[in-house]
Amino acid sequence: MIGTTEALIIGGIVVLLFGAKKLPELAKSMGQSKAAFNEGLKEGPSLEEDEDKDDTD
C-alpha cells in the first residue's frame, strides 16, 4: 500500500503539474468519468443484445 510520505509526494507533483486552481475541476471531471464508466458497465450486456436484434431486421 501507499504510505503517507508517498501520498504527499504524489499530491505535490499533481499540484505542480495542474495547479491548485485546476484541481477541483479535475476532480469533478474524474468523478463524472467514473460515474459514466460504471453506468456503461451496468448497461454493457444489453448493448450486445440490441446489436443482435439489428442484424435480424
PDB file of N, CA and C in Angstrom:
ATOM      1  N   MET A   1       0.834  -1.193   0.000  1.00  0.00           N
ATOM      2  CA  MET A   1       0.000   0.000   0.000  1.00  0.00           C
ATOM      3  C   MET A   1       0.873   1.248   0.000  1.00  0.00           C
ATOM      4  N   ILE A   2       0.253   2.349  -0.347  1.00  0.00           N
ATOM      5  CA  ILE A   2       0.953   3.625  -0.403  1.00  0.00           C
ATOM      6  C   ILE A   2       1.009   4.226   1.001  1.00  0.00           C
ATOM      7  N   GLY A   3       2.139   4.742   1.372  1.00  0.00           N
ATOM      8  CA  GLY A   3       2.309   5.368   2.677  1.00  0.00           C
ATOM      9  C   GLY A   3       1.995   6.852   2.625  1.00  0.00           C
ATOM     10  N   THR A   4       2.040   7.475   3.786  1.00  0.00           N
ATOM     11  CA  THR A   4       1.737   8.899   3.884  1.00  0.00           C
ATOM     12  C   THR A   4       2.746   9.735   3.105  1.00  0.00           C
ATOM     13  N   THR A   5       4.007   9.400   3.212  1.00  0.00           N
ATOM     14  CA  THR A   5       5.041  10.165   2.511  1.00  0.00           C
ATOM     15  C   THR A   5       4.856  10.084   1.002  1.00  0.00           C
ATOM     16  N   GLU A   6       4.595   8.880   0.515  1.00  0.00           N
ATOM     17  CA  GLU A   6       4.397   8.721  -0.928  1.00  0.00           C
ATOM     18  C   GLU A   6       3.166   9.474  -1.403  1.00  0.00           C
ATOM     19  N   ALA A   7       2.077   9.444  -0.626  1.00  0.00           N
ATOM     20  CA  ALA A   7       0.852  10.164  -0.997  1.00  0.00           C
ATOM     21  C   ALA A   7       1.107  11.664  -1.055  1.00  0.00           C
ATOM     22  N   LEU A   8       1.868  12.191  -0.100  1.00  0.00           N
ATOM     23  CA  LEU A   8       2.185  13.622  -0.110  1.00  0.00           C
ATOM     24  C   LEU A   8       3.044  13.994  -1.312  1.00  0.00           C
ATOM     25  N   ILE A   9       4.003  13.161  -1.649  1.00  0.00           N
ATOM     26  CA  ILE A   9       4.854  13.427  -2.818  1.00  0.00           C
ATOM     27  C   ILE A   9       4.022  13.420  -4.092  1.00  0.00           C
ATOM     28  N   ILE A  10       3.160  12.415  -4.241  1.00  0.00           N
ATOM     29  CA  ILE A  10       2.303  12.335  -5.430  1.00  0.00           C
ATOM     30  C   ILE A  10       1.367  13.540  -5.486  1.00  0.00           C
ATOM     31  N   GLY A  11       0.790  13.920  -4.345  1.00  0.00           N
ATOM     32  CA  GLY A  11      -0.079  15.094  -4.291  1.00  0.00           C
ATOM     33  C   GLY A  11       0.652  16.360  -4.677  1.00  0.00           C
ATOM     34  N   GLY A  12       1.886  16.509  -4.209  1.00  0.00           N
ATOM     35  CA  GLY A  12       2.687  17.673  -4.569  1.00  0.00           C
ATOM     36  C   GLY A  12       2.976  17.735  -6.057  1.00  0.00           C
ATOM     37  N   ILE A  13       3.286  16.601  -6.641  1.00  0.00           N
ATOM     38  CA  ILE A  13       3.548  16.553  -8.086  1.00  0.00           C
ATOM     39  C   ILE A  13       2.296  16.923  -8.873  1.00  0.00           C
ATOM     40  N   VAL A  14       1.141  16.424  -8.434  1.00  0.00           N
ATOM     41  CA  VAL A  14      -0.123  16.742  -9.106  1.00  0.00           C
ATOM     42  C   VAL A  14      -0.396  18.242  -9.036  1.00  0.00           C
ATOM     43  N   VAL A  15      -0.181  18.836  -7.878  1.00  0.00           N
ATOM     44  CA  VAL A  15      -0.389  20.285  -7.737  1.00  0.00           C
ATOM     45  C   VAL A  15       0.558  21.044  -8.651  1.00  0.00           C
ATOM     46  N   LEU A  16       1.806  20.613  -8.740  1.00  0.00           N
ATOM     47  CA  LEU A  16       2.758  21.289  -9.624  1.00  0.00           C
ATOM     48  C   LEU A  16       2.369  21.157 -11.089  1.00  0.00           C
ATOM     49  N   LEU A  17       1.872  19.990 -11.476  1.00  0.00           N
ATOM     50  CA  LEU A  17       1.513  19.768 -12.878  1.00  0.00           C
ATOM     51  C   LEU A  17       0.255  20.523 -13.287  1.00  0.00           C
ATOM     52  N   PHE A  18      -0.776  20.487 -12.446  1.00  0.00           N
ATOM     53  CA  PHE A  18      -2.073  21.031 -12.840  1.00  0.00           C
ATOM     54  C   PHE A  18      -2.380  22.386 -12.226  1.00  0.00           C
ATOM     55  N   GLY A  19      -1.723  22.731 -11.138  1.00  0.00           N
ATOM     56  CA  GLY A  19      -2.010  23.985 -10.461  1.00  0.00           C
ATOM     57  C   GLY A  19      -3.181  23.826  -9.504  1.00  0.00           C
ATOM     58  N   ALA A  20      -3.156  24.590  -8.432  1.00  0.00           N
ATOM     59  CA  ALA A  20      -4.175  24.473  -7.391  1.00  0.00           C
ATOM     60  C   ALA A  20      -5.561  24.875  -7.888  1.00  0.00           C
ATOM     61  N   LYS A  21      -5.633  25.793  -8.828  1.00  0.00           N
ATOM     62  CA  LYS A  21      -6.934  26.255  -9.324  1.00  0.00           C
ATOM     63  C   LYS A  21      -7.623  25.196 -10.184  1.00  0.00           C
ATOM     64  N   LYS A  22      -6.866  24.330 -10.828  1.00  0.00           N
ATOM     65  CA  LYS A  22      -7.437  23.323 -11.723  1.00  0.00           C
ATOM     66  C   LYS A  22      -7.867  22.049 -10.995  1.00  0.00           C
ATOM     67  N   LEU A  23      -7.407  21.833  -9.760  1.00  0.00           N
ATOM     68  CA  LEU A  23      -7.674  20.573  -9.074  1.00  0.00           C
ATOM     69  C   LEU A  23      -9.158  20.297  -8.856  1.00  0.00           C
ATOM     70  N   PRO A  24      -9.989  21.257  -8.413  1.00  0.00           N
ATOM     71  CA  PRO A  24     -11.415  20.949  -8.261  1.00  0.00           C
ATOM     72  C   PRO A  24     -12.080  20.554  -9.583  1.00  0.00           C
ATOM     73  N   GLU A  25     -11.704  21.231 -10.654  1.00  0.00           N
ATOM     74  CA  GLU A  25     -12.244  20.912 -11.973  1.00  0.00           C
ATOM     75  C   GLU A  25     -11.808  19.511 -12.412  1.00  0.00           C
ATOM     76  N   LEU A  26     -10.556  19.185 -12.149  1.00  0.00           N
ATOM     77  CA  LEU A  26     -10.027  17.869 -12.485  1.00  0.00           C
ATOM     78  C   LEU A  26     -10.742  16.777 -11.693  1.00  0.00           C
ATOM     79  N   ALA A  27     -10.946  17.001 -10.403  1.00  0.00           N
ATOM     80  CA  ALA A  27     -11.625  16.022  -9.560  1.00  0.00           C
ATOM     81  C   ALA A  27     -13.070  15.822 -10.009  1.00  0.00           C
ATOM     82  N   LYS A  28     -13.742  16.892 -10.389  1.00  0.00           N
ATOM     83  CA  LYS A  28     -15.124  16.801 -10.856  1.00  0.00           C
ATOM     84  C   LYS A  28     -15.210  15.993 -12.144  1.00  0.00           C
ATOM     85  N   SER A  29     -14.310  16.254 -13.076  1.00  0.00           N
ATOM     86  CA  SER A  29     -14.340  15.531 -14.341  1.00  0.00           C
ATOM     87  C   SER A  29     -13.994  14.051 -14.153  1.00  0.00           C
ATOM     88  N   MET A  30     -13.086  13.766 -13.209  1.00  0.00           N
ATOM     89  CA  MET A  30     -12.768  12.364 -12.926  1.00  0.00           C
ATOM     90  C   MET A  30     -13.968  11.646 -12.313  1.00  0.00           C
ATOM     91  N   GLY A  31     -14.708  12.331 -11.442  1.00  0.00           N
ATOM     92  CA  GLY A  31     -15.907  11.746 -10.853  1.00  0.00           C
ATOM     93  C   GLY A  31     -16.975  11.485 -11.892  1.00  0.00           C
ATOM     94  N   GLN A  32     -17.162  12.416 -12.818  1.00  0.00           N
ATOM     95  CA  GLN A  32     -18.143  12.228 -13.887  1.00  0.00           C
ATOM     96  C   GLN A  32     -17.731  11.083 -14.803  1.00  0.00           C
ATOM     97  N   SER A  33     -16.447  10.970 -15.079  1.00  0.00           N
ATOM     98  CA  SER A  33     -15.959   9.881 -15.923  1.00  0.00           C
ATOM     99  C   SER A  33     -16.170   8.534 -15.254  1.00  0.00           C
ATOM    100  N   LYS A  34     -15.911   8.467 -13.949  1.00  0.00           N
ATOM    101  CA  LYS A  34     -16.111   7.223 -13.205  1.00  0.00           C
ATOM    102  C   LYS A  34     -17.582   6.837 -13.191  1.00  0.00           C
ATOM    103  N   ALA A  35     -18.462   7.815 -12.995  1.00  0.00           N
ATOM    104  CA  ALA A  35     -19.896   7.538 -12.981  1.00  0.00           C
ATOM    105  C   ALA A  35     -20.357   7.037 -14.348  1.00  0.00           C
ATOM    106  N   ALA A  36     -19.871   7.637 -15.417  1.00  0.00           N
ATOM    107  CA  ALA A  36     -20.240   7.206 -16.762  1.00  0.00           C
ATOM    108  C   ALA A  36     -19.703   5.810 -17.055  1.00  0.00           C
ATOM    109  N   PHE A  37     -18.497   5.521 -16.576  1.00  0.00           N
ATOM    110  CA  PHE A  37     -17.910   4.199 -16.768  1.00  0.00           C
ATOM    111  C   PHE A  37     -18.732   3.141 -16.041  1.00  0.00           C
ATOM    112  N   ASN A  38     -19.094   3.427 -14.788  1.00  0.00           N
ATOM    113  CA  ASN A  38     -19.896   2.480 -14.021  1.00  0.00           C
ATOM    114  C   ASN A  38     -21.267   2.264 -14.666  1.00  0.00           C
ATOM    115  N   GLU A  39     -21.866   3.318 -15.177  1.00  0.00           N
ATOM    116  CA  GLU A  39     -23.152   3.194 -15.870  1.00  0.00           C
ATOM    117  C   GLU A  39     -23.002   2.342 -17.129  1.00  0.00           C
ATOM    118  N   GLY A  40     -21.902   2.519 -17.825  1.00  0.00           N
ATOM    119  CA  GLY A  40     -21.638   1.706 -19.012  1.00  0.00           C
ATOM    120  C   GLY A  40     -21.452   0.238 -18.677  1.00  0.00           C
ATOM    121  N   LEU A  41     -20.852  -0.045 -17.538  1.00  0.00           N
ATOM    122  CA  LEU A  41     -20.685  -1.436 -17.120  1.00  0.00           C
ATOM    123  C   LEU A  41     -22.029  -2.085 -16.822  1.00  0.00           C
ATOM    124  N   LYS A  42     -22.951  -1.315 -16.238  1.00  0.00           N
ATOM    125  CA  LYS A  42     -24.277  -1.848 -15.930  1.00  0.00           C
ATOM    126  C   LYS A  42     -25.055  -2.146 -17.203  1.00  0.00           C
ATOM    127  N   GLU A  43     -24.888  -1.322 -18.230  1.00  0.00           N
ATOM    128  CA  GLU A  43     -25.657  -1.451 -19.456  1.00  0.00           C
ATOM    129  C   GLU A  43     -24.947  -2.298 -20.514  1.00  0.00           C
ATOM    130  N   GLY A  44     -23.763  -2.756 -20.244  1.00  0.00           N
ATOM    131  CA  GLY A  44     -22.953  -3.468 -21.225  1.00  0.00           C
ATOM    132  C   GLY A  44     -23.632  -4.627 -21.917  1.00  0.00           C
ATOM    133  N   PRO A  45     -24.139  -5.630 -21.213  1.00  0.00           N
ATOM    134  CA  PRO A  45     -24.738  -6.788 -21.883  1.00  0.00           C
ATOM    135  C   PRO A  45     -25.957  -6.435 -22.714  1.00  0.00           C
ATOM    136  N   SER A  46     -26.745  -5.439 -22.313  1.00  0.00           N
ATOM    137  CA  SER A  46     -27.937  -5.093 -23.081  1.00  0.00           C
ATOM    138  C   SER A  46     -27.561  -4.487 -24.435  1.00  0.00           C
ATOM    139  N   LEU A  47     -26.396  -3.848 -24.530  1.00  0.00           N
ATOM    140  CA  LEU A  47     -25.967  -3.285 -25.802  1.00  0.00           C
ATOM    141  C   LEU A  47     -25.700  -4.384 -26.818  1.00  0.00           C
ATOM    142  N   GLU A  48     -25.105  -5.486 -26.382  1.00  0.00           N
ATOM    143  CA  GLU A  48     -24.833  -6.586 -27.298  1.00  0.00           C
ATOM    144  C   GLU A  48     -26.130  -7.210 -27.797  1.00  0.00           C
ATOM    145  N   GLU A  49     -27.143  -7.298 -26.948  1.00  0.00           N
ATOM    146  CA  GLU A  49     -28.429  -7.849 -27.358  1.00  0.00           C
ATOM    147  C   GLU A  49     -29.084  -6.948 -28.385  1.00  0.00           C
ATOM    148  N   ASP A  50     -28.963  -5.607 -28.219  1.00  0.00           N
ATOM    149  CA  ASP A  50     -29.528  -4.683 -29.165  1.00  0.00           C
ATOM    150  C   ASP A  50     -28.869  -4.832 -30.538  1.00  0.00           C
ATOM    151  N   GLU A  51     -27.568  -5.059 -30.572  1.00  0.00           N
ATOM    152  CA  GLU A  51     -26.862  -5.245 -31.827  1.00  0.00           C
ATOM    153  C   GLU A  51     -27.343  -6.493 -32.550  1.00  0.00           C
ATOM    154  N   ASP A  52     -27.585  -7.577 -31.803  1.00  0.00           N
ATOM    155  CA  ASP A  52     -28.090  -8.795 -32.404  1.00  0.00           C
ATOM    156  C   ASP A  52     -29.476  -8.586 -32.992  1.00  0.00           C
ATOM    157  N   LYS A  53     -30.306  -7.801 -32.342  1.00  0.00           N
ATOM    158  CA  LYS A  53     -31.647  -7.518 -32.858  1.00  0.00           C
ATOM    159  C   LYS A  53     -31.582  -6.738 -34.164  1.00  0.00           C
ATOM    160  N   ASP A  54     -30.624  -5.837 -34.288  1.00  0.00           N
ATOM    161  CA  ASP A  54     -30.486  -5.049 -35.506  1.00  0.00           C
ATOM    162  C   ASP A  54     -30.072  -5.922 -36.684  1.00  0.00           C
ATOM    163  N   ASP A  55     -29.287  -6.957 -36.439  1.00  0.00           N
ATOM    164  CA  ASP A  55     -28.821  -7.815 -37.507  1.00  0.00           C
ATOM    165  C   ASP A  55     -29.946  -8.660 -38.091  1.00  0.00           C
ATOM    166  N   THR A  56     -30.996  -8.942 -37.336  1.00  0.00           N
ATOM    167  CA  THR A  56     -32.064  -9.809 -37.820  1.00  0.00           C
ATOM    168  C   THR A  56     -33.090  -9.078 -38.656  1.00  0.00           C
ATOM    169  N   ASP A  57     -33.067  -7.755 -38.657  1.00  0.00           N
ATOM    170  CA  ASP A  57     -34.051  -6.984 -39.431  1.00  0.00           C
ATOM    171  C   ASP A  57     -33.788  -7.035 -40.907  1.00  0.00           C
TER     172      ASP A  57
END
